[in-house]
C-alpha atoms as a PDB file:
ATOM      1  CA  ASP A   1      -8.109   5.767  13.050  1.00  0.00           C
ATOM      2  CA  PRO A   2      -9.905   4.151  16.017  1.00  0.00           C
ATOM      3  CA  GLU A   3     -13.308   5.195  14.666  1.00  0.00           C
ATOM      4  CA  GLU A   4     -12.344   3.861  11.204  1.00  0.00           C
ATOM      5  CA  VAL A   5     -13.349   7.156   9.569  1.00  0.00           C
ATOM      6  CA  GLU A   6     -10.357   7.161   7.228  1.00  0.00           C
ATOM      7  CA  THR A   7     -11.012   3.544   6.288  1.00  0.00           C
ATOM      8  CA  ARG A   8     -14.674   4.209   5.480  1.00  0.00           C
ATOM      9  CA  VAL A   9     -13.837   7.256   3.381  1.00  0.00           C
ATOM     10  CA  ILE A  10     -11.197   5.377   1.385  1.00  0.00           C
ATOM     11  CA  HIS A  11     -13.626   2.561   0.624  1.00  0.00           C
ATOM     12  CA  ASP A  12     -16.409   5.019  -0.216  1.00  0.00           C
ATOM     13  CA  LEU A  13     -14.155   6.704  -2.786  1.00  0.00           C
ATOM     14  CA  VAL A  14     -12.241   3.766  -4.257  1.00  0.00           C
ATOM     15  CA  ASP A  15     -13.238   0.247  -5.300  1.00  0.00           C
ATOM     16  CA  PHE A  16     -10.160  -1.896  -4.614  1.00  0.00           C
ATOM     17  CA  LEU A  17     -11.806  -5.201  -5.510  1.00  0.00           C
ATOM     18  CA  GLY A  18      -9.494  -7.133  -7.811  1.00  0.00           C
ATOM     19  CA  LYS A  19      -7.344  -4.090  -8.597  1.00  0.00           C
ATOM     20  CA  ASP A  20      -3.554  -3.770  -8.801  1.00  0.00           C
ATOM     21  CA  VAL A  21      -2.475  -1.002  -6.437  1.00  0.00           C
ATOM     22  CA  LEU A  22       0.688   1.081  -6.147  1.00  0.00           C
ATOM     23  CA  GLU A  23       0.943   2.770  -2.758  1.00  0.00           C
ATOM     24  CA  ILE A  24       3.498   5.584  -2.550  1.00  0.00           C
ATOM     25  CA  GLY A  25       4.771   6.487   0.914  1.00  0.00           C
ATOM     26  CA  CYS A  26       3.403   3.408   2.671  1.00  0.00           C
ATOM     27  CA  GLY A  27       5.510   3.853   5.793  1.00  0.00           C
ATOM     28  CA  ASP A  28       4.851   0.997   8.199  1.00  0.00           C
ATOM     29  CA  GLY A  29       1.781  -0.221   6.304  1.00  0.00           C
ATOM     30  CA  ARG A  30      -0.860   1.453   8.476  1.00  0.00           C
ATOM     31  CA  LEU A  31      -2.991   2.331   5.432  1.00  0.00           C
ATOM     32  CA  THR A  32      -2.079  -0.774   3.452  1.00  0.00           C
ATOM     33  CA  TRP A  33      -3.870  -3.108   5.866  1.00  0.00           C
ATOM     34  CA  ARG A  34      -7.122  -1.167   5.372  1.00  0.00           C
ATOM     35  CA  TYR A  35      -7.593  -2.106   1.726  1.00  0.00           C
ATOM     36  CA  ALA A  36      -5.131  -4.856   0.746  1.00  0.00           C
ATOM     37  CA  ASP A  37      -7.543  -7.715   1.453  1.00  0.00           C
ATOM     38  CA  ARG A  38      -9.710  -6.509  -1.459  1.00  0.00           C
ATOM     39  CA  ALA A  39      -6.911  -5.839  -3.964  1.00  0.00           C
ATOM     40  CA  ALA A  40      -5.498  -8.315  -6.462  1.00  0.00           C
ATOM     41  CA  SER A  41      -1.989  -7.054  -5.709  1.00  0.00           C
ATOM     42  CA  VAL A  42      -0.291  -4.242  -3.833  1.00  0.00           C
ATOM     43  CA  LEU A  43       3.174  -2.817  -4.390  1.00  0.00           C
ATOM     44  CA  ALA A  44       3.820  -0.471  -1.477  1.00  0.00           C
ATOM     45  CA  ILE A  45       6.938   1.721  -1.573  1.00  0.00           C
ATOM     46  CA  ASP A  46       8.635   4.050   0.865  1.00  0.00           C
ATOM     47  CA  PRO A  47      12.124   5.596   0.869  1.00  0.00           C
ATOM     48  CA  LYS A  48      12.740   4.698   4.521  1.00  0.00           C
ATOM     49  CA  GLU A  49      14.222   1.232   4.812  1.00  0.00           C
ATOM     50  CA  ALA A  50      13.343   0.943   8.514  1.00  0.00           C
ATOM     51  CA  LYS A  51       9.656   1.650   7.783  1.00  0.00           C
ATOM     52  CA  ILE A  52       9.619  -0.986   5.031  1.00  0.00           C
ATOM     53  CA  ALA A  53      11.250  -3.528   7.346  1.00  0.00           C
ATOM     54  CA  LEU A  54       8.584  -2.815   9.973  1.00  0.00           C
ATOM     55  CA  ALA A  55       5.787  -3.122   7.402  1.00  0.00           C
ATOM     56  CA  GLN A  56       7.182  -6.446   6.175  1.00  0.00           C
ATOM     57  CA  GLU A  57       7.439  -7.705   9.735  1.00  0.00           C
ATOM     58  CA  LYS A  58       3.854  -6.683  10.540  1.00  0.00           C
ATOM     59  CA  THR A  59       2.304  -8.042   7.338  1.00  0.00           C
ATOM     60  CA  PRO A  60      -0.575 -10.330   8.327  1.00  0.00           C
ATOM     61  CA  ASP A  61      -0.072 -13.863   7.012  1.00  0.00           C
ATOM     62  CA  HIS A  62      -3.207 -13.771   4.868  1.00  0.00           C
ATOM     63  CA  LEU A  63      -1.906 -10.674   3.007  1.00  0.00           C
ATOM     64  CA  ARG A  64       1.628 -11.936   2.293  1.00  0.00           C
ATOM     65  CA  PRO A  65       0.711 -13.341  -1.152  1.00  0.00           C
ATOM     66  CA  THR A  66      -0.905 -10.021  -2.130  1.00  0.00           C
ATOM     67  CA  VAL A  67       1.330  -7.290  -0.682  1.00  0.00           C
ATOM     68  CA  THR A  68       4.921  -6.507  -1.630  1.00  0.00           C
ATOM     69  CA  PHE A  69       6.848  -3.813   0.237  1.00  0.00           C
ATOM     70  CA  GLN A  70       9.849  -2.202  -1.411  1.00  0.00           C
ATOM     71  CA  THR A  71      12.297   0.476  -0.332  1.00  0.00           C
ATOM     72  CA  ALA A  72      12.141   3.066  -3.100  1.00  0.00           C
ATOM     73  CA  ASP A  73      12.000   6.797  -3.653  1.00  0.00           C
ATOM     74  CA  ILE A  74       9.259   7.818  -6.079  1.00  0.00           C
ATOM     75  CA  LEU A  75      11.659  10.216  -7.824  1.00  0.00           C
ATOM     76  CA  THR A  76      13.917   7.349  -8.935  1.00  0.00           C
ATOM     77  CA  PHE A  77      11.432   4.464  -8.781  1.00  0.00           C
ATOM     78  CA  GLU A  78      11.003   2.463 -11.960  1.00  0.00           C
ATOM     79  CA  PRO A  79       7.700   0.628 -11.713  1.00  0.00           C
ATOM     80  CA  PRO A  80       7.283  -2.826 -13.213  1.00  0.00           C
ATOM     81  CA  GLU A  81       6.029  -2.978 -16.774  1.00  0.00           C
ATOM     82  CA  ALA A  82       2.555  -3.976 -15.631  1.00  0.00           C
ATOM     83  CA  ALA A  83       0.225  -1.038 -15.134  1.00  0.00           C
ATOM     84  CA  PHE A  84      -1.576  -0.238 -11.906  1.00  0.00           C
ATOM     85  CA  ASP A  85      -5.301   0.327 -11.641  1.00  0.00           C
ATOM     86  CA  ILE A  86      -4.976   2.541  -8.566  1.00  0.00           C
ATOM     87  CA  VAL A  87      -2.197   4.699  -7.140  1.00  0.00           C
ATOM     88  CA  LEU A  88      -2.412   5.894  -3.535  1.00  0.00           C
ATOM     89  CA  ILE A  89      -0.267   8.616  -2.017  1.00  0.00           C
ATOM     90  CA  SER A  90      -0.515   8.896   1.728  1.00  0.00           C
ATOM     91  CA  TRP A  91       1.365  11.226   4.058  1.00  0.00           C
ATOM     92  CA  SER A  92       4.010  11.724   1.364  1.00  0.00           C
ATOM     93  CA  LEU A  93       3.817  15.385   0.500  1.00  0.00           C
END
């Protein structure tokens, strides 16, 4: 997204400020970095362990307290008891 079109559209449609976000199909975190600095917390899941490892490795230091990456398949995923304000599904269908 060199022109940041996707990023602008996401922020035009969703207010992430102070919200708890569940991101399904996060892959290597390419979308996560575009909104996580505004969220209160992010739980980003993906079934591919290698993608999660890459996302964890690439997590910017300032986002480490906010973003948690977890290897999980949405079909068997049991979310924490706390509810999420926003759920994102990207490139997962």
